[in-house]
Structures are given as structure tokens and as C-alpha cells.
Amino acid sequence: MLNEYYPLVVISMIAIALGFFVVLLGSILGPRRPTQHKGQPYESGMIPYGPGTRRISVRYYLVAVLFILFDIEVVFFLPWAVAFRKLGVSGFILMVIFAVILEIAFVYAWKKGALEWE
């Protein structure tokens, strides 16, 4: 029974060993004499101005979360389309209900201004 998991364990061990090897190689071959000039930020050949971090509006994260949410929900349509004939009328009705709920959520987010980008 456990023989079925042997390839998964071998690939996992190889991936872990490779990760440790790359980190070790980077620390061995990496820069050893950091100077102030080397430690300065570099941005497309130009001297950067201002702080390295900026405050990002909450709207950015809201749009990102909504995109992920609607993207994941739309992924449910592919298996439904593949098994459409086997599911019959009941499967069609359930997917229509799902699509209506999804559309209501989309319209709600739209009306609340969550999709507006300023």
C-alpha cells in the first residue's frame, strides 16, 4: 500500500535537497564584501527617491480579493460543462442557481464601488 507513495516521497526529498543546495550555493558563491555603494537600492539605472515602501490603498487589495473570488467561482463552470449531459436537468438548474448567486454578488460589488479604480 505504501509503495504507491514512494515516487511522491522521492520527488519531495529531491526538491527539499535541491532547495537546500541552492541556498547553500548562494551563500558560498554570493557577495562577501558588502559596501555602502553596493547596498544602495537600484531602480532601473536611476537613483531612487522617496522611501522604498509605499502605502497601498485598501481598494487594491479589495479588487485583488474580488478577482480571486470570482476567478475561483468561474473555475466551477469547467467541470460542470464537461459533465453537463450526465448531470441532466437537475445539474443544469443547480448551476443556474449558482450563476445567479454569482451574478448577484458581482452586481452588489459593482454597486458598492468595489470595482472602481481611482
PDB file of N, CA and C in Angstrom:
ATOM      1  N   MET A   1       0.821  -1.194   0.000  1.00  0.00           N
ATOM      2  CA  MET A   1       0.000   0.000   0.000  1.00  0.00           C
ATOM      3  C   MET A   1       0.863   1.256   0.000  1.00  0.00           C
ATOM      4  N   LEU A   2       1.897   1.276   0.825  1.00  0.00           N
ATOM      5  CA  LEU A   2       2.754   2.459   0.892  1.00  0.00           C
ATOM      6  C   LEU A   2       3.673   2.576  -0.318  1.00  0.00           C
ATOM      7  N   ASN A   3       3.785   1.519  -1.100  1.00  0.00           N
ATOM      8  CA  ASN A   3       4.623   1.578  -2.296  1.00  0.00           C
ATOM      9  C   ASN A   3       4.100   2.586  -3.312  1.00  0.00           C
ATOM     10  N   GLU A   4       2.813   2.890  -3.259  1.00  0.00           N
ATOM     11  CA  GLU A   4       2.235   3.855  -4.182  1.00  0.00           C
ATOM     12  C   GLU A   4       2.731   5.271  -3.898  1.00  0.00           C
ATOM     13  N   TYR A   5       3.123   5.541  -2.665  1.00  0.00           N
ATOM     14  CA  TYR A   5       3.594   6.864  -2.280  1.00  0.00           C
ATOM     15  C   TYR A   5       5.097   7.038  -2.442  1.00  0.00           C
ATOM     16  N   TYR A   6       5.797   5.983  -2.792  1.00  0.00           N
ATOM     17  CA  TYR A   6       7.252   6.044  -2.919  1.00  0.00           C
ATOM     18  C   TYR A   6       7.722   7.108  -3.916  1.00  0.00           C
ATOM     19  N   PRO A   7       7.158   7.209  -5.125  1.00  0.00           N
ATOM     20  CA  PRO A   7       7.614   8.266  -6.045  1.00  0.00           C
ATOM     21  C   PRO A   7       7.376   9.670  -5.491  1.00  0.00           C
ATOM     22  N   LEU A   8       6.280   9.874  -4.788  1.00  0.00           N
ATOM     23  CA  LEU A   8       5.996  11.182  -4.199  1.00  0.00           C
ATOM     24  C   LEU A   8       7.027  11.537  -3.130  1.00  0.00           C
ATOM     25  N   VAL A   9       7.405  10.556  -2.318  1.00  0.00           N
ATOM     26  CA  VAL A   9       8.408  10.790  -1.280  1.00  0.00           C
ATOM     27  C   VAL A   9       9.763  11.086  -1.917  1.00  0.00           C
ATOM     28  N   VAL A  10      10.112  10.352  -2.954  1.00  0.00           N
ATOM     29  CA  VAL A  10      11.400  10.571  -3.627  1.00  0.00           C
ATOM     30  C   VAL A  10      11.452  11.968  -4.252  1.00  0.00           C
ATOM     31  N   ILE A  11      10.410  12.382  -4.935  1.00  0.00           N
ATOM     32  CA  ILE A  11      10.389  13.711  -5.559  1.00  0.00           C
ATOM     33  C   ILE A  11      10.428  14.805  -4.491  1.00  0.00           C
ATOM     34  N   SER A  12       9.713  14.608  -3.380  1.00  0.00           N
ATOM     35  CA  SER A  12       9.736  15.590  -2.298  1.00  0.00           C
ATOM     36  C   SER A  12      11.126  15.712  -1.699  1.00  0.00           C
ATOM     37  N   MET A  13      11.787  14.602  -1.494  1.00  0.00           N
ATOM     38  CA  MET A  13      13.147  14.631  -0.938  1.00  0.00           C
ATOM     39  C   MET A  13      14.118  15.310  -1.901  1.00  0.00           C
ATOM     40  N   ILE A  14      13.979  15.041  -3.192  1.00  0.00           N
ATOM     41  CA  ILE A  14      14.835  15.690  -4.181  1.00  0.00           C
ATOM     42  C   ILE A  14      14.589  17.200  -4.180  1.00  0.00           C
ATOM     43  N   ALA A  15      13.328  17.612  -4.104  1.00  0.00           N
ATOM     44  CA  ALA A  15      13.000  19.043  -4.098  1.00  0.00           C
ATOM     45  C   ALA A  15      13.563  19.723  -2.854  1.00  0.00           C
ATOM     46  N   ILE A  16      13.446  19.099  -1.694  1.00  0.00           N
ATOM     47  CA  ILE A  16      13.980  19.677  -0.461  1.00  0.00           C
ATOM     48  C   ILE A  16      15.499  19.758  -0.524  1.00  0.00           C
ATOM     49  N   ALA A  17      16.140  18.686  -0.994  1.00  0.00           N
ATOM     50  CA  ALA A  17      17.596  18.692  -1.106  1.00  0.00           C
ATOM     51  C   ALA A  17      18.068  19.742  -2.103  1.00  0.00           C
ATOM     52  N   LEU A  18      17.366  19.885  -3.225  1.00  0.00           N
ATOM     53  CA  LEU A  18      17.731  20.894  -4.206  1.00  0.00           C
ATOM     54  C   LEU A  18      17.574  22.301  -3.638  1.00  0.00           C
ATOM     55  N   GLY A  19      16.524  22.545  -2.868  1.00  0.00           N
ATOM     56  CA  GLY A  19      16.331  23.847  -2.232  1.00  0.00           C
ATOM     57  C   GLY A  19      17.469  24.175  -1.278  1.00  0.00           C
ATOM     58  N   PHE A  20      17.834  23.218  -0.421  1.00  0.00           N
ATOM     59  CA  PHE A  20      18.952  23.448   0.487  1.00  0.00           C
ATOM     60  C   PHE A  20      20.257  23.665  -0.284  1.00  0.00           C
ATOM     61  N   PHE A  21      20.454  22.906  -1.357  1.00  0.00           N
ATOM     62  CA  PHE A  21      21.671  23.039  -2.157  1.00  0.00           C
ATOM     63  C   PHE A  21      21.765  24.423  -2.787  1.00  0.00           C
ATOM     64  N   VAL A  22      20.677  24.931  -3.326  1.00  0.00           N
ATOM     65  CA  VAL A  22      20.694  26.250  -3.964  1.00  0.00           C
ATOM     66  C   VAL A  22      20.967  27.346  -2.942  1.00  0.00           C
ATOM     67  N   VAL A  23      20.359  27.255  -1.760  1.00  0.00           N
ATOM     68  CA  VAL A  23      20.611  28.256  -0.719  1.00  0.00           C
ATOM     69  C   VAL A  23      22.057  28.187  -0.256  1.00  0.00           C
ATOM     70  N   LEU A  24      22.570  26.994  -0.065  1.00  0.00           N
ATOM     71  CA  LEU A  24      23.966  26.831   0.339  1.00  0.00           C
ATOM     72  C   LEU A  24      24.912  27.347  -0.734  1.00  0.00           C
ATOM     73  N   LEU A  25      24.624  27.045  -1.991  1.00  0.00           N
ATOM     74  CA  LEU A  25      25.453  27.521  -3.095  1.00  0.00           C
ATOM     75  C   LEU A  25      25.441  29.045  -3.171  1.00  0.00           C
ATOM     76  N   GLY A  26      24.290  29.657  -2.945  1.00  0.00           N
ATOM     77  CA  GLY A  26      24.200  31.110  -2.951  1.00  0.00           C
ATOM     78  C   GLY A  26      24.996  31.741  -1.825  1.00  0.00           C
ATOM     79  N   SER A  27      24.992  31.108  -0.655  1.00  0.00           N
ATOM     80  CA  SER A  27      25.765  31.664   0.451  1.00  0.00           C
ATOM     81  C   SER A  27      27.265  31.466   0.251  1.00  0.00           C
ATOM     82  N   ILE A  28      27.649  30.416  -0.458  1.00  0.00           N
ATOM     83  CA  ILE A  28      29.073  30.188  -0.717  1.00  0.00           C
ATOM     84  C   ILE A  28      29.579  31.102  -1.828  1.00  0.00           C
ATOM     85  N   LEU A  29      28.831  31.201  -2.918  1.00  0.00           N
ATOM     86  CA  LEU A  29      29.273  31.977  -4.067  1.00  0.00           C
ATOM     87  C   LEU A  29      28.795  33.425  -4.055  1.00  0.00           C
ATOM     88  N   GLY A  30      27.989  33.797  -3.080  1.00  0.00           N
ATOM     89  CA  GLY A  30      27.427  35.138  -3.029  1.00  0.00           C
ATOM     90  C   GLY A  30      28.462  36.175  -2.626  1.00  0.00           C
ATOM     91  N   PRO A  31      28.056  37.468  -2.648  1.00  0.00           N
ATOM     92  CA  PRO A  31      28.993  38.532  -2.289  1.00  0.00           C
ATOM     93  C   PRO A  31      29.389  38.441  -0.822  1.00  0.00           C
ATOM     94  N   ARG A  32      30.688  38.680  -0.576  1.00  0.00           N
ATOM     95  CA  ARG A  32      31.198  38.567   0.784  1.00  0.00           C
ATOM     96  C   ARG A  32      31.656  39.894   1.352  1.00  0.00           C
ATOM     97  N   ARG A  33      31.857  40.880   0.504  1.00  0.00           N
ATOM     98  CA  ARG A  33      32.340  42.172   0.972  1.00  0.00           C
ATOM     99  C   ARG A  33      31.313  43.251   0.659  1.00  0.00           C
ATOM    100  N   PRO A  34      30.255  43.327   1.427  1.00  0.00           N
ATOM    101  CA  PRO A  34      29.264  44.366   1.148  1.00  0.00           C
ATOM    102  C   PRO A  34      29.809  45.748   1.497  1.00  0.00           C
ATOM    103  N   THR A  35      29.569  46.690   0.623  1.00  0.00           N
ATOM    104  CA  THR A  35      29.961  48.074   0.868  1.00  0.00           C
ATOM    105  C   THR A  35      28.705  48.940   0.857  1.00  0.00           C
ATOM    106  N   GLN A  36      28.866  50.194   1.236  1.00  0.00           N
ATOM    107  CA  GLN A  36      27.717  51.089   1.260  1.00  0.00           C
ATOM    108  C   GLN A  36      27.201  51.318  -0.160  1.00  0.00           C
ATOM    109  N   HIS A  37      28.105  51.404  -1.119  1.00  0.00           N
ATOM    110  CA  HIS A  37      27.700  51.625  -2.501  1.00  0.00           C
ATOM    111  C   HIS A  37      26.946  50.411  -3.051  1.00  0.00           C
ATOM    112  N   LYS A  38      27.399  49.211  -2.710  1.00  0.00           N
ATOM    113  CA  LYS A  38      26.708  48.001  -3.162  1.00  0.00           C
ATOM    114  C   LYS A  38      25.357  47.827  -2.483  1.00  0.00           C
ATOM    115  N   GLY A  39      25.231  48.345  -1.275  1.00  0.00           N
ATOM    116  CA  GLY A  39      23.997  48.179  -0.532  1.00  0.00           C
ATOM    117  C   GLY A  39      22.915  49.185  -0.881  1.00  0.00           C
ATOM    118  N   GLN A  40      23.215  50.144  -1.735  1.00  0.00           N
ATOM    119  CA  GLN A  40      22.227  51.139  -2.106  1.00  0.00           C
ATOM    120  C   GLN A  40      21.156  50.518  -3.010  1.00  0.00           C
ATOM    121  N   PRO A  41      19.930  50.997  -2.889  1.00  0.00           N
ATOM    122  CA  PRO A  41      18.891  50.466  -3.766  1.00  0.00           C
ATOM    123  C   PRO A  41      19.142  50.846  -5.218  1.00  0.00           C
ATOM    124  N   TYR A  42      18.745  49.976  -6.106  1.00  0.00           N
ATOM    125  CA  TYR A  42      18.947  50.186  -7.536  1.00  0.00           C
ATOM    126  C   TYR A  42      17.598  50.058  -8.214  1.00  0.00           C
ATOM    127  N   GLU A  43      17.253  51.064  -9.012  1.00  0.00           N
ATOM    128  CA  GLU A  43      15.947  51.036  -9.651  1.00  0.00           C
ATOM    129  C   GLU A  43      16.084  51.476 -11.098  1.00  0.00           C
ATOM    130  N   SER A  44      16.242  50.538 -11.980  1.00  0.00           N
ATOM    131  CA  SER A  44      16.285  50.781 -13.424  1.00  0.00           C
ATOM    132  C   SER A  44      17.343  51.800 -13.831  1.00  0.00           C
ATOM    133  N   GLY A  45      18.473  51.775 -13.173  1.00  0.00           N
ATOM    134  CA  GLY A  45      19.568  52.671 -13.541  1.00  0.00           C
ATOM    135  C   GLY A  45      19.406  54.089 -13.047  1.00  0.00           C
ATOM    136  N   MET A  46      18.347  54.354 -12.311  1.00  0.00           N
ATOM    137  CA  MET A  46      18.110  55.702 -11.805  1.00  0.00           C
ATOM    138  C   MET A  46      18.262  55.704 -10.288  1.00  0.00           C
ATOM    139  N   ILE A  47      18.647  56.841  -9.760  1.00  0.00           N
ATOM    140  CA  ILE A  47      18.742  56.962  -8.317  1.00  0.00           C
ATOM    141  C   ILE A  47      17.319  57.029  -7.760  1.00  0.00           C
ATOM    142  N   PRO A  48      16.975  56.116  -6.873  1.00  0.00           N
ATOM    143  CA  PRO A  48      15.610  56.114  -6.347  1.00  0.00           C
ATOM    144  C   PRO A  48      15.387  57.295  -5.404  1.00  0.00           C
ATOM    145  N   TYR A  49      14.167  57.778  -5.369  1.00  0.00           N
ATOM    146  CA  TYR A  49      13.817  58.856  -4.456  1.00  0.00           C
ATOM    147  C   TYR A  49      12.633  58.411  -3.610  1.00  0.00           C
ATOM    148  N   GLY A  50      12.556  58.897  -2.436  1.00  0.00           N
ATOM    149  CA  GLY A  50      11.473  58.538  -1.535  1.00  0.00           C
ATOM    150  C   GLY A  50      11.745  57.215  -0.837  1.00  0.00           C
ATOM    151  N   PRO A  51      10.834  56.819   0.022  1.00  0.00           N
ATOM    152  CA  PRO A  51      11.020  55.558   0.747  1.00  0.00           C
ATOM    153  C   PRO A  51      10.851  54.355  -0.178  1.00  0.00           C
ATOM    154  N   GLY A  52      11.420  53.245   0.227  1.00  0.00           N
ATOM    155  CA  GLY A  52      11.322  52.029  -0.577  1.00  0.00           C
ATOM    156  C   GLY A  52       9.961  51.380  -0.511  1.00  0.00           C
ATOM    157  N   THR A  53       9.218  51.672   0.527  1.00  0.00           N
ATOM    158  CA  THR A  53       7.876  51.111   0.659  1.00  0.00           C
ATOM    159  C   THR A  53       6.853  52.230   0.589  1.00  0.00           C
ATOM    160  N   ARG A  54       5.728  51.928   0.014  1.00  0.00           N
ATOM    161  CA  ARG A  54       4.646  52.893  -0.109  1.00  0.00           C
ATOM    162  C   ARG A  54       3.382  52.309   0.492  1.00  0.00           C
ATOM    163  N   ARG A  55       2.557  53.178   0.984  1.00  0.00           N
ATOM    164  CA  ARG A  55       1.251  52.726   1.473  1.00  0.00           C
ATOM    165  C   ARG A  55       0.358  52.478   0.266  1.00  0.00           C
ATOM    166  N   ILE A  56      -0.269  51.337   0.259  1.00  0.00           N
ATOM    167  CA  ILE A  56      -1.150  50.979  -0.847  1.00  0.00           C
ATOM    168  C   ILE A  56      -2.584  51.040  -0.336  1.00  0.00           C
ATOM    169  N   SER A  57      -3.449  51.562  -1.165  1.00  0.00           N
ATOM    170  CA  SER A  57      -4.851  51.705  -0.791  1.00  0.00           C
ATOM    171  C   SER A  57      -5.486  50.339  -0.554  1.00  0.00           C
ATOM    172  N   VAL A  58      -6.454  50.333   0.348  1.00  0.00           N
ATOM    173  CA  VAL A  58      -7.177  49.099   0.645  1.00  0.00           C
ATOM    174  C   VAL A  58      -7.957  48.641  -0.577  1.00  0.00           C
ATOM    175  N   ARG A  59      -8.327  49.557  -1.451  1.00  0.00           N
ATOM    176  CA  ARG A  59      -9.063  49.202  -2.673  1.00  0.00           C
ATOM    177  C   ARG A  59      -8.256  48.238  -3.544  1.00  0.00           C
ATOM    178  N   TYR A  60      -6.952  48.397  -3.560  1.00  0.00           N
ATOM    179  CA  TYR A  60      -6.105  47.495  -4.343  1.00  0.00           C
ATOM    180  C   TYR A  60      -6.297  46.057  -3.863  1.00  0.00           C
ATOM    181  N   TYR A  61      -6.254  45.854  -2.556  1.00  0.00           N
ATOM    182  CA  TYR A  61      -6.426  44.513  -2.003  1.00  0.00           C
ATOM    183  C   TYR A  61      -7.855  44.021  -2.196  1.00  0.00           C
ATOM    184  N   LEU A  62      -8.807  44.913  -2.099  1.00  0.00           N
ATOM    185  CA  LEU A  62     -10.205  44.538  -2.302  1.00  0.00           C
ATOM    186  C   LEU A  62     -10.435  44.039  -3.727  1.00  0.00           C
ATOM    187  N   VAL A  63      -9.886  44.756  -4.698  1.00  0.00           N
ATOM    188  CA  VAL A  63     -10.020  44.318  -6.096  1.00  0.00           C
ATOM    189  C   VAL A  63      -9.311  42.981  -6.292  1.00  0.00           C
ATOM    190  N   ALA A  64      -8.154  42.810  -5.670  1.00  0.00           N
ATOM    191  CA  ALA A  64      -7.423  41.547  -5.807  1.00  0.00           C
ATOM    192  C   ALA A  64      -8.213  40.382  -5.210  1.00  0.00           C
ATOM    193  N   VAL A  65      -8.783  40.587  -4.040  1.00  0.00           N
ATOM    194  CA  VAL A  65      -9.557  39.520  -3.399  1.00  0.00           C
ATOM    195  C   VAL A  65     -10.810  39.210  -4.212  1.00  0.00           C
ATOM    196  N   LEU A  66     -11.469  40.238  -4.716  1.00  0.00           N
ATOM    197  CA  LEU A  66     -12.652  40.004  -5.547  1.00  0.00           C
ATOM    198  C   LEU A  66     -12.287  39.263  -6.823  1.00  0.00           C
ATOM    199  N   PHE A  67     -11.151  39.610  -7.419  1.00  0.00           N
ATOM    200  CA  PHE A  67     -10.721  38.889  -8.622  1.00  0.00           C
ATOM    201  C   PHE A  67     -10.496  37.420  -8.322  1.00  0.00           C
ATOM    202  N   ILE A  68      -9.810  37.136  -7.239  1.00  0.00           N
ATOM    203  CA  ILE A  68      -9.552  35.740  -6.875  1.00  0.00           C
ATOM    204  C   ILE A  68     -10.868  35.028  -6.581  1.00  0.00           C
ATOM    205  N   LEU A  69     -11.759  35.688  -5.865  1.00  0.00           N
ATOM    206  CA  LEU A  69     -13.041  35.085  -5.525  1.00  0.00           C
ATOM    207  C   LEU A  69     -13.840  34.728  -6.772  1.00  0.00           C
ATOM    208  N   PHE A  70     -13.995  35.684  -7.678  1.00  0.00           N
ATOM    209  CA  PHE A  70     -14.774  35.416  -8.885  1.00  0.00           C
ATOM    210  C   PHE A  70     -14.043  34.452  -9.816  1.00  0.00           C
ATOM    211  N   ASP A  71     -12.734  34.489  -9.827  1.00  0.00           N
ATOM    212  CA  ASP A  71     -11.974  33.573 -10.664  1.00  0.00           C
ATOM    213  C   ASP A  71     -12.156  32.133 -10.193  1.00  0.00           C
ATOM    214  N   ILE A  72     -12.101  31.930  -8.903  1.00  0.00           N
ATOM    215  CA  ILE A  72     -12.282  30.576  -8.367  1.00  0.00           C
ATOM    216  C   ILE A  72     -13.709  30.090  -8.619  1.00  0.00           C
ATOM    217  N   GLU A  73     -14.672  30.974  -8.481  1.00  0.00           N
ATOM    218  CA  GLU A  73     -16.050  30.559  -8.716  1.00  0.00           C
ATOM    219  C   GLU A  73     -16.288  30.214 -10.179  1.00  0.00           C
ATOM    220  N   VAL A  74     -15.646  30.926 -11.074  1.00  0.00           N
ATOM    221  CA  VAL A  74     -15.816  30.640 -12.501  1.00  0.00           C
ATOM    222  C   VAL A  74     -15.167  29.309 -12.862  1.00  0.00           C
ATOM    223  N   VAL A  75     -14.152  28.899 -12.113  1.00  0.00           N
ATOM    224  CA  VAL A  75     -13.495  27.616 -12.381  1.00  0.00           C
ATOM    225  C   VAL A  75     -14.480  26.460 -12.216  1.00  0.00           C
ATOM    226  N   PHE A  76     -15.515  26.640 -11.424  1.00  0.00           N
ATOM    227  CA  PHE A  76     -16.503  25.580 -11.240  1.00  0.00           C
ATOM    228  C   PHE A  76     -17.320  25.323 -12.506  1.00  0.00           C
ATOM    229  N   PHE A  77     -17.303  26.245 -13.432  1.00  0.00           N
ATOM    230  CA  PHE A  77     -18.069  26.047 -14.653  1.00  0.00           C
ATOM    231  C   PHE A  77     -17.449  24.994 -15.573  1.00  0.00           C
ATOM    232  N   LEU A  78     -16.141  24.819 -15.554  1.00  0.00           N
ATOM    233  CA  LEU A  78     -15.498  23.857 -16.458  1.00  0.00           C
ATOM    234  C   LEU A  78     -15.906  22.412 -16.157  1.00  0.00           C
ATOM    235  N   PRO A  79     -15.800  21.927 -14.919  1.00  0.00           N
ATOM    236  CA  PRO A  79     -16.246  20.551 -14.675  1.00  0.00           C
ATOM    237  C   PRO A  79     -17.733  20.358 -14.959  1.00  0.00           C
ATOM    238  N   TRP A  80     -18.510  21.398 -14.692  1.00  0.00           N
ATOM    239  CA  TRP A  80     -19.936  21.316 -14.997  1.00  0.00           C
ATOM    240  C   TRP A  80     -20.168  21.169 -16.491  1.00  0.00           C
ATOM    241  N   ALA A  81     -19.411  21.925 -17.293  1.00  0.00           N
ATOM    242  CA  ALA A  81     -19.569  21.843 -18.741  1.00  0.00           C
ATOM    243  C   ALA A  81     -19.136  20.476 -19.259  1.00  0.00           C
ATOM    244  N   VAL A  82     -18.121  19.890 -18.645  1.00  0.00           N
ATOM    245  CA  VAL A  82     -17.648  18.571 -19.082  1.00  0.00           C
ATOM    246  C   VAL A  82     -18.689  17.493 -18.764  1.00  0.00           C
ATOM    247  N   ALA A  83     -19.299  17.594 -17.591  1.00  0.00           N
ATOM    248  CA  ALA A  83     -20.259  16.579 -17.169  1.00  0.00           C
ATOM    249  C   ALA A  83     -21.701  17.026 -17.377  1.00  0.00           C
ATOM    250  N   PHE A  84     -21.931  17.938 -18.292  1.00  0.00           N
ATOM    251  CA  PHE A  84     -23.254  18.532 -18.479  1.00  0.00           C
ATOM    252  C   PHE A  84     -24.307  17.487 -18.824  1.00  0.00           C
ATOM    253  N   ARG A  85     -24.017  16.590 -19.732  1.00  0.00           N
ATOM    254  CA  ARG A  85     -25.018  15.604 -20.180  1.00  0.00           C
ATOM    255  C   ARG A  85     -25.327  14.572 -19.096  1.00  0.00           C
ATOM    256  N   LYS A  86     -24.327  14.241 -18.276  1.00  0.00           N
ATOM    257  CA  LYS A  86     -24.550  13.258 -17.222  1.00  0.00           C
ATOM    258  C   LYS A  86     -25.377  13.838 -16.074  1.00  0.00           C
ATOM    259  N   LEU A  87     -25.270  15.140 -15.856  1.00  0.00           N
ATOM    260  CA  LEU A  87     -25.968  15.769 -14.734  1.00  0.00           C
ATOM    261  C   LEU A  87     -27.454  15.951 -14.997  1.00  0.00           C
ATOM    262  N   GLY A  88     -27.793  16.131 -16.239  1.00  0.00           N
ATOM    263  CA  GLY A  88     -29.202  16.270 -16.593  1.00  0.00           C
ATOM    264  C   GLY A  88     -29.783  17.620 -16.205  1.00  0.00           C
ATOM    265  N   VAL A  89     -31.089  17.639 -16.080  1.00  0.00           N
ATOM    266  CA  VAL A  89     -31.820  18.880 -15.808  1.00  0.00           C
ATOM    267  C   VAL A  89     -31.511  19.395 -14.401  1.00  0.00           C
ATOM    268  N   SER A  90     -31.408  18.481 -13.430  1.00  0.00           N
ATOM    269  CA  SER A  90     -31.140  18.930 -12.055  1.00  0.00           C
ATOM    270  C   SER A  90     -29.772  19.615 -11.958  1.00  0.00           C
ATOM    271  N   GLY A  91     -28.785  19.092 -12.657  1.00  0.00           N
ATOM    272  CA  GLY A  91     -27.468  19.731 -12.677  1.00  0.00           C
ATOM    273  C   GLY A  91     -27.511  21.092 -13.332  1.00  0.00           C
ATOM    274  N   PHE A  92     -28.324  21.207 -14.384  1.00  0.00           N
ATOM    275  CA  PHE A  92     -28.476  22.494 -15.060  1.00  0.00           C
ATOM    276  C   PHE A  92     -29.137  23.517 -14.144  1.00  0.00           C
ATOM    277  N   ILE A  93     -30.177  23.107 -13.442  1.00  0.00           N
ATOM    278  CA  ILE A  93     -30.887  24.024 -12.546  1.00  0.00           C
ATOM    279  C   ILE A  93     -29.961  24.473 -11.408  1.00  0.00           C
ATOM    280  N   LEU A  94     -29.205  23.538 -10.841  1.00  0.00           N
ATOM    281  CA  LEU A  94     -28.282  23.910  -9.770  1.00  0.00           C
ATOM    282  C   LEU A  94     -27.212  24.883 -10.260  1.00  0.00           C
ATOM    283  N   MET A  95     -26.716  24.700 -11.474  1.00  0.00           N
ATOM    284  CA  MET A  95     -25.704  25.610 -11.988  1.00  0.00           C
ATOM    285  C   MET A  95     -26.302  26.971 -12.317  1.00  0.00           C
ATOM    286  N   VAL A  96     -27.549  26.997 -12.756  1.00  0.00           N
ATOM    287  CA  VAL A  96     -28.208  28.282 -12.984  1.00  0.00           C
ATOM    288  C   VAL A  96     -28.365  29.031 -11.661  1.00  0.00           C
ATOM    289  N   ILE A  97     -28.744  28.317 -10.605  1.00  0.00           N
ATOM    290  CA  ILE A  97     -28.844  28.948  -9.281  1.00  0.00           C
ATOM    291  C   ILE A  97     -27.478  29.477  -8.852  1.00  0.00           C
ATOM    292  N   PHE A  98     -26.431  28.688  -9.050  1.00  0.00           N
ATOM    293  CA  PHE A  98     -25.066  29.117  -8.721  1.00  0.00           C
ATOM    294  C   PHE A  98     -24.693  30.362  -9.516  1.00  0.00           C
ATOM    295  N   ALA A  99     -25.004  30.382 -10.800  1.00  0.00           N
ATOM    296  CA  ALA A  99     -24.670  31.531 -11.645  1.00  0.00           C
ATOM    297  C   ALA A  99     -25.451  32.769 -11.233  1.00  0.00           C
ATOM    298  N   VAL A 100     -26.684  32.597 -10.837  1.00  0.00           N
ATOM    299  CA  VAL A 100     -27.489  33.739 -10.389  1.00  0.00           C
ATOM    300  C   VAL A 100     -26.917  34.316  -9.094  1.00  0.00           C
ATOM    301  N   ILE A 101     -26.551  33.454  -8.164  1.00  0.00           N
ATOM    302  CA  ILE A 101     -25.932  33.927  -6.915  1.00  0.00           C
ATOM    303  C   ILE A 101     -24.627  34.637  -7.210  1.00  0.00           C
ATOM    304  N   LEU A 102     -23.839  34.091  -8.126  1.00  0.00           N
ATOM    305  CA  LEU A 102     -22.583  34.721  -8.516  1.00  0.00           C
ATOM    306  C   LEU A 102     -22.830  36.081  -9.151  1.00  0.00           C
ATOM    307  N   GLU A 103     -23.841  36.189  -9.979  1.00  0.00           N
ATOM    308  CA  GLU A 103     -24.159  37.463 -10.626  1.00  0.00           C
ATOM    309  C   GLU A 103     -24.676  38.486  -9.620  1.00  0.00           C
ATOM    310  N   ILE A 104     -25.453  38.042  -8.653  1.00  0.00           N
ATOM    311  CA  ILE A 104     -25.933  38.951  -7.605  1.00  0.00           C
ATOM    312  C   ILE A 104     -24.748  39.504  -6.812  1.00  0.00           C
ATOM    313  N   ALA A 105     -23.792  38.644  -6.479  1.00  0.00           N
ATOM    314  CA  ALA A 105     -22.604  39.103  -5.754  1.00  0.00           C
ATOM    315  C   ALA A 105     -21.797  40.078  -6.600  1.00  0.00           C
ATOM    316  N   PHE A 106     -21.701  39.807  -7.879  1.00  0.00           N
ATOM    317  CA  PHE A 106     -20.960  40.703  -8.772  1.00  0.00           C
ATOM    318  C   PHE A 106     -21.632  42.069  -8.866  1.00  0.00           C
ATOM    319  N   VAL A 107     -22.939  42.084  -9.033  1.00  0.00           N
ATOM    320  CA  VAL A 107     -23.678  43.348  -9.117  1.00  0.00           C
ATOM    321  C   VAL A 107     -23.587  44.102  -7.795  1.00  0.00           C
ATOM    322  N   TYR A 108     -23.659  43.389  -6.675  1.00  0.00           N
ATOM    323  CA  TYR A 108     -23.528  44.033  -5.365  1.00  0.00           C
ATOM    324  C   TYR A 108     -22.168  44.711  -5.225  1.00  0.00           C
ATOM    325  N   ALA A 109     -21.104  43.993  -5.583  1.00  0.00           N
ATOM    326  CA  ALA A 109     -19.762  44.583  -5.504  1.00  0.00           C
ATOM    327  C   ALA A 109     -19.632  45.762  -6.452  1.00  0.00           C
ATOM    328  N   TRP A 110     -20.234  45.665  -7.601  1.00  0.00           N
ATOM    329  CA  TRP A 110     -20.180  46.748  -8.586  1.00  0.00           C
ATOM    330  C   TRP A 110     -20.905  47.988  -8.064  1.00  0.00           C
ATOM    331  N   LYS A 111     -22.105  47.798  -7.503  1.00  0.00           N
ATOM    332  CA  LYS A 111     -22.887  48.920  -6.989  1.00  0.00           C
ATOM    333  C   LYS A 111     -22.215  49.574  -5.782  1.00  0.00           C
ATOM    334  N   LYS A 112     -21.511  48.786  -4.968  1.00  0.00           N
ATOM    335  CA  LYS A 112     -20.810  49.329  -3.815  1.00  0.00           C
ATOM    336  C   LYS A 112     -19.544  50.086  -4.220  1.00  0.00           C
ATOM    337  N   GLY A 113     -19.147  49.984  -5.492  1.00  0.00           N
ATOM    338  CA  GLY A 113     -17.959  50.692  -5.968  1.00  0.00           C
ATOM    339  C   GLY A 113     -16.670  49.940  -5.711  1.00  0.00           C
ATOM    340  N   ALA A 114     -16.769  48.645  -5.417  1.00  0.00           N
ATOM    341  CA  ALA A 114     -15.566  47.865  -5.133  1.00  0.00           C
ATOM    342  C   ALA A 114     -14.714  47.651  -6.374  1.00  0.00           C
ATOM    343  N   LEU A 115     -15.304  47.768  -7.548  1.00  0.00           N
ATOM    344  CA  LEU A 115     -14.557  47.529  -8.787  1.00  0.00           C
ATOM    345  C   LEU A 115     -14.039  48.815  -9.415  1.00  0.00           C
ATOM    346  N   GLU A 116     -14.294  49.956  -8.782  1.00  0.00           N
ATOM    347  CA  GLU A 116     -13.818  51.221  -9.316  1.00  0.00           C
ATOM    348  C   GLU A 116     -12.347  51.396  -8.987  1.00  0.00           C
ATOM    349  N   TRP A 117     -11.596  51.838  -9.949  1.00  0.00           N
ATOM    350  CA  TRP A 117     -10.172  52.068  -9.761  1.00  0.00           C
ATOM    351  C   TRP A 117      -9.890  53.561  -9.913  1.00  0.00           C
ATOM    352  N   GLU A 118      -9.334  54.161  -8.873  1.00  0.00           N
ATOM    353  CA  GLU A 118      -9.101  55.604  -8.877  1.00  0.00           C
ATOM    354  C   GLU A 118      -7.644  55.921  -9.060  1.00  0.00           C
TER     355      GLU A 118
END
